């Protein structure tokens, strides 16, 4: 089993997909796009979390996911649904942090 954790920060008021996107809009759209990946083969856990309002947060969105093995993680990364999400994320992110490890 492989644990895959990713955290992002998003820009506020950036132009993406022909419209001005707020930080909140970006988070909602990323959740929508990445949620489509939750049922891909080899994905055993998939959770997207936004910060709790009023509490400290260094990131705008956190992904915690688990995969059966490294090959499943690689297949997820190259899947068209993930590629589509990644293309949008690239237009709105100001930072990305990732951490993968074996369970």
PDB file of N, CA and C in Angstrom:
ATOM      1  N   UNK A   1       0.847  -1.180   0.000  1.00  0.00           N
ATOM      2  CA  UNK A   1       0.000   0.000   0.000  1.00  0.00           C
ATOM      3  C   UNK A   1       0.894   1.245   0.000  1.00  0.00           C
ATOM      4  N   UNK A   2       0.471   2.227  -0.785  1.00  0.00           N
ATOM      5  CA  UNK A   2       1.188   3.495  -0.885  1.00  0.00           C
ATOM      6  C   UNK A   2       0.261   4.627  -0.445  1.00  0.00           C
ATOM      7  N   UNK A   3       0.734   5.445   0.458  1.00  0.00           N
ATOM      8  CA  UNK A   3       0.012   6.646   0.881  1.00  0.00           C
ATOM      9  C   UNK A   3       0.540   7.809   0.031  1.00  0.00           C
ATOM     10  N   UNK A   4      -0.382   8.584  -0.523  1.00  0.00           N
ATOM     11  CA  UNK A   4      -0.059   9.718  -1.399  1.00  0.00           C
ATOM     12  C   UNK A   4      -0.768  10.943  -0.832  1.00  0.00           C
ATOM     13  N   UNK A   5       0.017  11.908  -0.358  1.00  0.00           N
ATOM     14  CA  UNK A   5      -0.534  13.120   0.227  1.00  0.00           C
ATOM     15  C   UNK A   5      -0.064  14.306  -0.601  1.00  0.00           C
ATOM     16  N   UNK A   6      -0.997  15.176  -0.962  1.00  0.00           N
ATOM     17  CA  UNK A   6      -0.663  16.378  -1.721  1.00  0.00           C
ATOM     18  C   UNK A   6      -1.403  17.554  -1.101  1.00  0.00           C
ATOM     19  N   UNK A   7      -0.721  18.688  -0.997  1.00  0.00           N
ATOM     20  CA  UNK A   7      -1.348  19.916  -0.504  1.00  0.00           C
ATOM     21  C   UNK A   7      -1.063  21.031  -1.499  1.00  0.00           C
ATOM     22  N   UNK A   8      -2.047  21.903  -1.674  1.00  0.00           N
ATOM     23  CA  UNK A   8      -1.898  23.011  -2.626  1.00  0.00           C
ATOM     24  C   UNK A   8      -2.262  24.323  -1.960  1.00  0.00           C
ATOM     25  N   UNK A   9      -1.677  25.386  -2.486  1.00  0.00           N
ATOM     26  CA  UNK A   9      -2.158  26.738  -2.244  1.00  0.00           C
ATOM     27  C   UNK A   9      -2.586  27.277  -3.601  1.00  0.00           C
ATOM     28  N   UNK A  10      -3.623  28.107  -3.584  1.00  0.00           N
ATOM     29  CA  UNK A  10      -4.177  28.643  -4.822  1.00  0.00           C
ATOM     30  C   UNK A  10      -4.084  30.161  -4.844  1.00  0.00           C
ATOM     31  N   UNK A  11      -3.984  30.691  -6.040  1.00  0.00           N
ATOM     32  CA  UNK A  11      -4.002  32.126  -6.247  1.00  0.00           C
ATOM     33  C   UNK A  11      -5.435  32.625  -6.143  1.00  0.00           C
ATOM     34  N   UNK A  12      -5.586  33.884  -5.805  1.00  0.00           N
ATOM     35  CA  UNK A  12      -6.914  34.475  -5.719  1.00  0.00           C
ATOM     36  C   UNK A  12      -7.078  35.490  -6.834  1.00  0.00           C
ATOM     37  N   UNK A  13      -8.138  35.355  -7.615  1.00  0.00           N
ATOM     38  CA  UNK A  13      -8.418  36.308  -8.680  1.00  0.00           C
ATOM     39  C   UNK A  13      -7.605  36.100  -9.942  1.00  0.00           C
ATOM     40  N   UNK A  14      -7.254  34.858 -10.227  1.00  0.00           N
ATOM     41  CA  UNK A  14      -6.482  34.543 -11.429  1.00  0.00           C
ATOM     42  C   UNK A  14      -7.422  34.193 -12.581  1.00  0.00           C
ATOM     43  N   UNK A  15      -6.986  34.459 -13.794  1.00  0.00           N
ATOM     44  CA  UNK A  15      -7.767  34.085 -14.978  1.00  0.00           C
ATOM     45  C   UNK A  15      -7.497  32.620 -15.311  1.00  0.00           C
ATOM     46  N   UNK A  16      -8.562  31.830 -15.414  1.00  0.00           N
ATOM     47  CA  UNK A  16      -8.446  30.419 -15.777  1.00  0.00           C
ATOM     48  C   UNK A  16      -9.737  29.993 -16.448  1.00  0.00           C
ATOM     49  N   UNK A  17      -9.627  29.222 -17.490  1.00  0.00           N
ATOM     50  CA  UNK A  17     -10.784  28.719 -18.230  1.00  0.00           C
ATOM     51  C   UNK A  17     -11.710  29.862 -18.650  1.00  0.00           C
ATOM     52  N   UNK A  18     -11.118  31.008 -18.998  1.00  0.00           N
ATOM     53  CA  UNK A  18     -11.885  32.126 -19.519  1.00  0.00           C
ATOM     54  C   UNK A  18     -12.637  32.949 -18.492  1.00  0.00           C
ATOM     55  N   UNK A  19     -12.323  32.772 -17.205  1.00  0.00           N
ATOM     56  CA  UNK A  19     -13.018  33.523 -16.163  1.00  0.00           C
ATOM     57  C   UNK A  19     -12.055  33.833 -15.025  1.00  0.00           C
ATOM     58  N   UNK A  20     -12.409  34.813 -14.217  1.00  0.00           N
ATOM     59  CA  UNK A  20     -11.639  35.115 -13.015  1.00  0.00           C
ATOM     60  C   UNK A  20     -12.035  34.108 -11.943  1.00  0.00           C
ATOM     61  N   UNK A  21     -11.032  33.436 -11.391  1.00  0.00           N
ATOM     62  CA  UNK A  21     -11.263  32.362 -10.427  1.00  0.00           C
ATOM     63  C   UNK A  21     -10.771  32.805  -9.058  1.00  0.00           C
ATOM     64  N   UNK A  22     -11.660  32.773  -8.073  1.00  0.00           N
ATOM     65  CA  UNK A  22     -11.257  33.060  -6.699  1.00  0.00           C
ATOM     66  C   UNK A  22     -10.595  31.815  -6.101  1.00  0.00           C
ATOM     67  N   UNK A  23      -9.940  32.003  -4.977  1.00  0.00           N
ATOM     68  CA  UNK A  23      -9.313  30.887  -4.278  1.00  0.00           C
ATOM     69  C   UNK A  23     -10.359  29.825  -3.921  1.00  0.00           C
ATOM     70  N   UNK A  24     -11.523  30.272  -3.484  1.00  0.00           N
ATOM     71  CA  UNK A  24     -12.603  29.356  -3.127  1.00  0.00           C
ATOM     72  C   UNK A  24     -13.116  28.597  -4.357  1.00  0.00           C
ATOM     73  N   UNK A  25     -13.287  29.322  -5.471  1.00  0.00           N
ATOM     74  CA  UNK A  25     -13.718  28.687  -6.729  1.00  0.00           C
ATOM     75  C   UNK A  25     -12.703  27.640  -7.170  1.00  0.00           C
ATOM     76  N   UNK A  26     -11.424  27.985  -7.061  1.00  0.00           N
ATOM     77  CA  UNK A  26     -10.362  27.054  -7.461  1.00  0.00           C
ATOM     78  C   UNK A  26     -10.452  25.772  -6.650  1.00  0.00           C
ATOM     79  N   UNK A  27     -10.620  25.908  -5.337  1.00  0.00           N
ATOM     80  CA  UNK A  27     -10.730  24.730  -4.485  1.00  0.00           C
ATOM     81  C   UNK A  27     -11.916  23.858  -4.858  1.00  0.00           C
ATOM     82  N   UNK A  28     -13.060  24.487  -5.094  1.00  0.00           N
ATOM     83  CA  UNK A  28     -14.255  23.718  -5.489  1.00  0.00           C
ATOM     84  C   UNK A  28     -14.030  22.985  -6.807  1.00  0.00           C
ATOM     85  N   UNK A  29     -13.428  23.666  -7.769  1.00  0.00           N
ATOM     86  CA  UNK A  29     -13.204  23.049  -9.089  1.00  0.00           C
ATOM     87  C   UNK A  29     -12.197  21.902  -8.998  1.00  0.00           C
ATOM     88  N   UNK A  30     -11.151  22.074  -8.217  1.00  0.00           N
ATOM     89  CA  UNK A  30     -10.169  20.996  -8.052  1.00  0.00           C
ATOM     90  C   UNK A  30     -10.829  19.790  -7.379  1.00  0.00           C
ATOM     91  N   UNK A  31     -11.643  20.035  -6.372  1.00  0.00           N
ATOM     92  CA  UNK A  31     -12.352  18.928  -5.717  1.00  0.00           C
ATOM     93  C   UNK A  31     -13.232  18.200  -6.733  1.00  0.00           C
ATOM     94  N   UNK A  32     -13.948  18.959  -7.533  1.00  0.00           N
ATOM     95  CA  UNK A  32     -14.811  18.359  -8.557  1.00  0.00           C
ATOM     96  C   UNK A  32     -14.002  17.499  -9.526  1.00  0.00           C
ATOM     97  N   UNK A  33     -12.897  18.029 -10.011  1.00  0.00           N
ATOM     98  CA  UNK A  33     -12.091  17.295 -10.992  1.00  0.00           C
ATOM     99  C   UNK A  33     -11.401  16.084 -10.383  1.00  0.00           C
ATOM    100  N   UNK A  34     -10.804  16.255  -9.205  1.00  0.00           N
ATOM    101  CA  UNK A  34     -10.089  15.130  -8.599  1.00  0.00           C
ATOM    102  C   UNK A  34     -11.027  14.058  -8.057  1.00  0.00           C
ATOM    103  N   UNK A  35     -12.215  14.439  -7.633  1.00  0.00           N
ATOM    104  CA  UNK A  35     -13.172  13.447  -7.122  1.00  0.00           C
ATOM    105  C   UNK A  35     -13.501  12.390  -8.174  1.00  0.00           C
ATOM    106  N   UNK A  36     -13.403  12.764  -9.429  1.00  0.00           N
ATOM    107  CA  UNK A  36     -13.639  11.803 -10.516  1.00  0.00           C
ATOM    108  C   UNK A  36     -12.586  10.701 -10.526  1.00  0.00           C
ATOM    109  N   UNK A  37     -11.479  10.917  -9.833  1.00  0.00           N
ATOM    110  CA  UNK A  37     -10.390   9.930  -9.801  1.00  0.00           C
ATOM    111  C   UNK A  37     -10.522   8.940  -8.648  1.00  0.00           C
ATOM    112  N   UNK A  38     -11.455   9.171  -7.752  1.00  0.00           N
ATOM    113  CA  UNK A  38     -11.551   8.369  -6.533  1.00  0.00           C
ATOM    114  C   UNK A  38     -11.824   6.890  -6.787  1.00  0.00           C
ATOM    115  N   UNK A  39     -12.468   6.579  -7.895  1.00  0.00           N
ATOM    116  CA  UNK A  39     -12.826   5.187  -8.178  1.00  0.00           C
ATOM    117  C   UNK A  39     -11.945   4.529  -9.232  1.00  0.00           C
ATOM    118  N   UNK A  40     -10.818   5.145  -9.533  1.00  0.00           N
ATOM    119  CA  UNK A  40      -9.910   4.534 -10.512  1.00  0.00           C
ATOM    120  C   UNK A  40      -9.339   3.235  -9.943  1.00  0.00           C
ATOM    121  N   UNK A  41      -8.965   2.304 -10.808  1.00  0.00           N
ATOM    122  CA  UNK A  41      -8.393   1.040 -10.336  1.00  0.00           C
ATOM    123  C   UNK A  41      -7.162   1.276  -9.459  1.00  0.00           C
ATOM    124  N   UNK A  42      -7.092   0.552  -8.365  1.00  0.00           N
ATOM    125  CA  UNK A  42      -5.941   0.639  -7.474  1.00  0.00           C
ATOM    126  C   UNK A  42      -6.056   1.695  -6.388  1.00  0.00           C
ATOM    127  N   UNK A  43      -7.075   2.552  -6.459  1.00  0.00           N
ATOM    128  CA  UNK A  43      -7.297   3.563  -5.420  1.00  0.00           C
ATOM    129  C   UNK A  43      -8.107   2.909  -4.307  1.00  0.00           C
ATOM    130  N   UNK A  44      -7.564   2.905  -3.083  1.00  0.00           N
ATOM    131  CA  UNK A  44      -8.271   2.276  -1.968  1.00  0.00           C
ATOM    132  C   UNK A  44      -8.818   3.291  -0.970  1.00  0.00           C
ATOM    133  N   UNK A  45      -8.312   4.512  -1.001  1.00  0.00           N
ATOM    134  CA  UNK A  45      -8.812   5.594  -0.145  1.00  0.00           C
ATOM    135  C   UNK A  45      -8.547   6.908  -0.858  1.00  0.00           C
ATOM    136  N   UNK A  46      -9.490   7.859  -0.709  1.00  0.00           N
ATOM    137  CA  UNK A  46      -9.361   9.128  -1.436  1.00  0.00           C
ATOM    138  C   UNK A  46     -10.162  10.186  -0.684  1.00  0.00           C
ATOM    139  N   UNK A  47      -9.465  11.148  -0.093  1.00  0.00           N
ATOM    140  CA  UNK A  47     -10.138  12.172   0.709  1.00  0.00           C
ATOM    141  C   UNK A  47      -9.551  13.544   0.383  1.00  0.00           C
ATOM    142  N   UNK A  48     -10.424  14.469   0.031  1.00  0.00           N
ATOM    143  CA  UNK A  48     -10.047  15.858  -0.217  1.00  0.00           C
ATOM    144  C   UNK A  48     -10.609  16.712   0.914  1.00  0.00           C
ATOM    145  N   UNK A  49      -9.757  17.551   1.504  1.00  0.00           N
ATOM    146  CA  UNK A  49     -10.167  18.343   2.659  1.00  0.00           C
ATOM    147  C   UNK A  49      -9.770  19.794   2.471  1.00  0.00           C
ATOM    148  N   UNK A  50     -10.729  20.676   2.751  1.00  0.00           N
ATOM    149  CA  UNK A  50     -10.460  22.119   2.759  1.00  0.00           C
ATOM    150  C   UNK A  50     -10.266  22.555   4.206  1.00  0.00           C
ATOM    151  N   UNK A  51      -9.573  23.659   4.422  1.00  0.00           N
ATOM    152  CA  UNK A  51      -9.328  24.103   5.798  1.00  0.00           C
ATOM    153  C   UNK A  51     -10.619  24.437   6.541  1.00  0.00           C
ATOM    154  N   UNK A  52     -10.571  24.239   7.836  1.00  0.00           N
ATOM    155  CA  UNK A  52     -11.682  24.617   8.710  1.00  0.00           C
ATOM    156  C   UNK A  52     -11.630  26.123   8.908  1.00  0.00           C
ATOM    157  N   UNK A  53     -12.713  26.791   8.564  1.00  0.00           N
ATOM    158  CA  UNK A  53     -12.764  28.241   8.717  1.00  0.00           C
ATOM    159  C   UNK A  53     -12.509  28.622  10.173  1.00  0.00           C
ATOM    160  N   UNK A  54     -11.669  29.632  10.362  1.00  0.00           N
ATOM    161  CA  UNK A  54     -11.363  30.109  11.699  1.00  0.00           C
ATOM    162  C   UNK A  54     -10.194  29.408  12.361  1.00  0.00           C
ATOM    163  N   UNK A  55      -9.678  28.354  11.740  1.00  0.00           N
ATOM    164  CA  UNK A  55      -8.510  27.652  12.274  1.00  0.00           C
ATOM    165  C   UNK A  55      -7.320  27.871  11.349  1.00  0.00           C
ATOM    166  N   UNK A  56      -6.147  27.686  11.867  1.00  0.00           N
ATOM    167  CA  UNK A  56      -4.935  27.906  11.089  1.00  0.00           C
ATOM    168  C   UNK A  56      -4.805  26.868   9.986  1.00  0.00           C
ATOM    169  N   UNK A  57      -4.351  27.313   8.822  1.00  0.00           N
ATOM    170  CA  UNK A  57      -4.114  26.403   7.698  1.00  0.00           C
ATOM    171  C   UNK A  57      -3.015  26.980   6.821  1.00  0.00           C
ATOM    172  N   UNK A  58      -2.078  26.146   6.449  1.00  0.00           N
ATOM    173  CA  UNK A  58      -1.000  26.562   5.551  1.00  0.00           C
ATOM    174  C   UNK A  58      -1.326  26.267   4.100  1.00  0.00           C
ATOM    175  N   UNK A  59      -2.391  25.496   3.867  1.00  0.00           N
ATOM    176  CA  UNK A  59      -2.756  25.069   2.523  1.00  0.00           C
ATOM    177  C   UNK A  59      -4.230  25.350   2.264  1.00  0.00           C
ATOM    178  N   UNK A  60      -4.592  25.404   0.992  1.00  0.00           N
ATOM    179  CA  UNK A  60      -5.983  25.630   0.604  1.00  0.00           C
ATOM    180  C   UNK A  60      -6.740  24.332   0.357  1.00  0.00           C
ATOM    181  N   UNK A  61      -6.006  23.247   0.077  1.00  0.00           N
ATOM    182  CA  UNK A  61      -6.639  21.948  -0.176  1.00  0.00           C
ATOM    183  C   UNK A  61      -5.636  20.847   0.104  1.00  0.00           C
ATOM    184  N   UNK A  62      -6.114  19.770   0.700  1.00  0.00           N
ATOM    185  CA  UNK A  62      -5.275  18.624   1.032  1.00  0.00           C
ATOM    186  C   UNK A  62      -5.902  17.359   0.447  1.00  0.00           C
ATOM    187  N   UNK A  63      -5.091  16.561  -0.234  1.00  0.00           N
ATOM    188  CA  UNK A  63      -5.505  15.254  -0.732  1.00  0.00           C
ATOM    189  C   UNK A  63      -4.773  14.186   0.064  1.00  0.00           C
ATOM    190  N   UNK A  64      -5.527  13.260   0.628  1.00  0.00           N
ATOM    191  CA  UNK A  64      -4.964  12.083   1.277  1.00  0.00           C
ATOM    192  C   UNK A  64      -5.516  10.877   0.541  1.00  0.00           C
ATOM    193  N   UNK A  65      -4.641  10.097  -0.063  1.00  0.00           N
ATOM    194  CA  UNK A  65      -5.109   8.946  -0.838  1.00  0.00           C
ATOM    195  C   UNK A  65      -4.192   7.754  -0.598  1.00  0.00           C
ATOM    196  N   UNK A  66      -4.735   6.584  -0.898  1.00  0.00           N
ATOM    197  CA  UNK A  66      -3.975   5.345  -0.770  1.00  0.00           C
ATOM    198  C   UNK A  66      -4.174   4.508  -2.017  1.00  0.00           C
ATOM    199  N   UNK A  67      -3.109   3.797  -2.371  1.00  0.00           N
ATOM    200  CA  UNK A  67      -3.098   2.973  -3.573  1.00  0.00           C
ATOM    201  C   UNK A  67      -2.577   1.587  -3.237  1.00  0.00           C
ATOM    202  N   UNK A  68      -3.018   0.610  -4.004  1.00  0.00           N
ATOM    203  CA  UNK A  68      -2.621  -0.768  -3.730  1.00  0.00           C
ATOM    204  C   UNK A  68      -1.116  -0.951  -3.829  1.00  0.00           C
ATOM    205  N   UNK A  69      -0.484  -0.221  -4.752  1.00  0.00           N
ATOM    206  CA  UNK A  69       0.966  -0.333  -4.930  1.00  0.00           C
ATOM    207  C   UNK A  69       1.466   0.835  -5.782  1.00  0.00           C
ATOM    208  N   UNK A  70       2.760   0.883  -5.999  1.00  0.00           N
ATOM    209  CA  UNK A  70       3.376   1.968  -6.774  1.00  0.00           C
ATOM    210  C   UNK A  70       2.836   1.998  -8.202  1.00  0.00           C
ATOM    211  N   UNK A  71       2.608   0.846  -8.791  1.00  0.00           N
ATOM    212  CA  UNK A  71       2.071   0.812 -10.159  1.00  0.00           C
ATOM    213  C   UNK A  71       0.687   1.453 -10.232  1.00  0.00           C
ATOM    214  N   UNK A  72      -0.134   1.242  -9.207  1.00  0.00           N
ATOM    215  CA  UNK A  72      -1.463   1.866  -9.176  1.00  0.00           C
ATOM    216  C   UNK A  72      -1.344   3.384  -9.053  1.00  0.00           C
ATOM    217  N   UNK A  73      -0.395   3.863  -8.255  1.00  0.00           N
ATOM    218  CA  UNK A  73      -0.161   5.304  -8.129  1.00  0.00           C
ATOM    219  C   UNK A  73       0.292   5.885  -9.470  1.00  0.00           C
ATOM    220  N   UNK A  74       1.176   5.198 -10.143  1.00  0.00           N
ATOM    221  CA  UNK A  74       1.648   5.661 -11.464  1.00  0.00           C
ATOM    222  C   UNK A  74       0.511   5.666 -12.492  1.00  0.00           C
ATOM    223  N   UNK A  75      -0.335   4.640 -12.445  1.00  0.00           N
ATOM    224  CA  UNK A  75      -1.470   4.586 -13.373  1.00  0.00           C
ATOM    225  C   UNK A  75      -2.435   5.740 -13.101  1.00  0.00           C
ATOM    226  N   UNK A  76      -2.663   6.040 -11.835  1.00  0.00           N
ATOM    227  CA  UNK A  76      -3.504   7.180 -11.446  1.00  0.00           C
ATOM    228  C   UNK A  76      -2.911   8.479 -11.993  1.00  0.00           C
ATOM    229  N   UNK A  77      -1.606   8.652 -11.804  1.00  0.00           N
ATOM    230  CA  UNK A  77      -0.946   9.888 -12.228  1.00  0.00           C
ATOM    231  C   UNK A  77      -1.034  10.109 -13.736  1.00  0.00           C
ATOM    232  N   UNK A  78      -1.043   9.033 -14.492  1.00  0.00           N
ATOM    233  CA  UNK A  78      -1.081   9.165 -15.952  1.00  0.00           C
ATOM    234  C   UNK A  78      -2.489   9.036 -16.540  1.00  0.00           C
ATOM    235  N   UNK A  79      -3.483   8.780 -15.701  1.00  0.00           N
ATOM    236  CA  UNK A  79      -4.860   8.617 -16.183  1.00  0.00           C
ATOM    237  C   UNK A  79      -5.394   9.947 -16.731  1.00  0.00           C
ATOM    238  N   UNK A  80      -6.175   9.919 -17.807  1.00  0.00           N
ATOM    239  CA  UNK A  80      -6.716  11.161 -18.388  1.00  0.00           C
ATOM    240  C   UNK A  80      -7.520  12.019 -17.411  1.00  0.00           C
ATOM    241  N   UNK A  81      -8.260  11.407 -16.484  1.00  0.00           N
ATOM    242  CA  UNK A  81      -9.012  12.196 -15.502  1.00  0.00           C
ATOM    243  C   UNK A  81      -8.064  12.982 -14.594  1.00  0.00           C
ATOM    244  N   UNK A  82      -6.986  12.335 -14.183  1.00  0.00           N
ATOM    245  CA  UNK A  82      -5.995  13.013 -13.340  1.00  0.00           C
ATOM    246  C   UNK A  82      -5.249  14.074 -14.144  1.00  0.00           C
ATOM    247  N   UNK A  83      -4.943  13.768 -15.381  1.00  0.00           N
ATOM    248  CA  UNK A  83      -4.262  14.739 -16.242  1.00  0.00           C
ATOM    249  C   UNK A  83      -5.124  15.987 -16.437  1.00  0.00           C
ATOM    250  N   UNK A  84      -6.415  15.794 -16.590  1.00  0.00           N
ATOM    251  CA  UNK A  84      -7.345  16.926 -16.744  1.00  0.00           C
ATOM    252  C   UNK A  84      -7.338  17.791 -15.486  1.00  0.00           C
ATOM    253  N   UNK A  85      -7.402  17.140 -14.327  1.00  0.00           N
ATOM    254  CA  UNK A  85      -7.357  17.880 -13.061  1.00  0.00           C
ATOM    255  C   UNK A  85      -6.034  18.624 -12.928  1.00  0.00           C
ATOM    256  N   UNK A  86      -4.954  17.946 -13.256  1.00  0.00           N
ATOM    257  CA  UNK A  86      -3.630  18.564 -13.156  1.00  0.00           C
ATOM    258  C   UNK A  86      -3.467  19.773 -14.056  1.00  0.00           C
ATOM    259  N   UNK A  87      -4.068  19.718 -15.222  1.00  0.00           N
ATOM    260  CA  UNK A  87      -3.989  20.851 -16.148  1.00  0.00           C
ATOM    261  C   UNK A  87      -4.673  22.077 -15.555  1.00  0.00           C
ATOM    262  N   UNK A  88      -5.826  21.871 -14.914  1.00  0.00           N
ATOM    263  CA  UNK A  88      -6.504  23.003 -14.276  1.00  0.00           C
ATOM    264  C   UNK A  88      -5.705  23.491 -13.074  1.00  0.00           C
ATOM    265  N   UNK A  89      -5.250  22.568 -12.247  1.00  0.00           N
ATOM    266  CA  UNK A  89      -4.490  22.940 -11.054  1.00  0.00           C
ATOM    267  C   UNK A  89      -3.282  23.792 -11.437  1.00  0.00           C
ATOM    268  N   UNK A  90      -2.624  23.448 -12.517  1.00  0.00           N
ATOM    269  CA  UNK A  90      -1.449  24.202 -12.955  1.00  0.00           C
ATOM    270  C   UNK A  90      -1.763  25.668 -13.221  1.00  0.00           C
ATOM    271  N   UNK A  91      -3.009  25.958 -13.570  1.00  0.00           N
ATOM    272  CA  UNK A  91      -3.378  27.350 -13.878  1.00  0.00           C
ATOM    273  C   UNK A  91      -3.743  28.163 -12.643  1.00  0.00           C
ATOM    274  N   UNK A  92      -4.008  27.497 -11.509  1.00  0.00           N
ATOM    275  CA  UNK A  92      -4.476  28.223 -10.323  1.00  0.00           C
ATOM    276  C   UNK A  92      -3.589  28.061  -9.091  1.00  0.00           C
ATOM    277  N   UNK A  93      -2.651  27.152  -9.119  1.00  0.00           N
ATOM    278  CA  UNK A  93      -1.851  26.895  -7.909  1.00  0.00           C
ATOM    279  C   UNK A  93      -0.707  27.899  -7.772  1.00  0.00           C
ATOM    280  N   UNK A  94      -0.402  28.211  -6.522  1.00  0.00           N
ATOM    281  CA  UNK A  94       0.797  28.985  -6.222  1.00  0.00           C
ATOM    282  C   UNK A  94       1.839  28.103  -5.555  1.00  0.00           C
ATOM    283  N   UNK A  95       1.399  26.948  -5.062  1.00  0.00           N
ATOM    284  CA  UNK A  95       2.326  26.017  -4.438  1.00  0.00           C
ATOM    285  C   UNK A  95       1.746  24.620  -4.407  1.00  0.00           C
ATOM    286  N   UNK A  96       2.640  23.632  -4.378  1.00  0.00           N
ATOM    287  CA  UNK A  96       2.230  22.226  -4.300  1.00  0.00           C
ATOM    288  C   UNK A  96       3.270  21.477  -3.498  1.00  0.00           C
ATOM    289  N   UNK A  97       2.797  20.672  -2.567  1.00  0.00           N
ATOM    290  CA  UNK A  97       3.673  19.840  -1.771  1.00  0.00           C
ATOM    291  C   UNK A  97       3.129  18.427  -1.822  1.00  0.00           C
ATOM    292  N   UNK A  98       4.018  17.457  -1.968  1.00  0.00           N
ATOM    293  CA  UNK A  98       3.587  16.060  -2.054  1.00  0.00           C
ATOM    294  C   UNK A  98       4.487  15.197  -1.179  1.00  0.00           C
ATOM    295  N   UNK A  99       3.896  14.105  -0.682  1.00  0.00           N
ATOM    296  CA  UNK A  99       4.629  13.164   0.158  1.00  0.00           C
ATOM    297  C   UNK A  99       4.034  11.782  -0.074  1.00  0.00           C
ATOM    298  N   UNK A 100       4.844  10.857  -0.546  1.00  0.00           N
ATOM    299  CA  UNK A 100       4.430   9.486  -0.793  1.00  0.00           C
ATOM    300  C   UNK A 100       5.251   8.559   0.094  1.00  0.00           C
ATOM    301  N   UNK A 101       4.599   7.532   0.632  1.00  0.00           N
ATOM    302  CA  UNK A 101       5.337   6.559   1.420  1.00  0.00           C
ATOM    303  C   UNK A 101       4.586   5.233   1.450  1.00  0.00           C
ATOM    304  N   UNK A 102       5.326   4.189   1.758  1.00  0.00           N
ATOM    305  CA  UNK A 102       4.740   2.849   1.834  1.00  0.00           C
ATOM    306  C   UNK A 102       4.146   2.624   3.213  1.00  0.00           C
ATOM    307  N   UNK A 103       2.942   2.078   3.218  1.00  0.00           N
ATOM    308  CA  UNK A 103       2.276   1.760   4.496  1.00  0.00           C
ATOM    309  C   UNK A 103       2.712   0.398   4.996  1.00  0.00           C
TER     310      UNK A 103
END
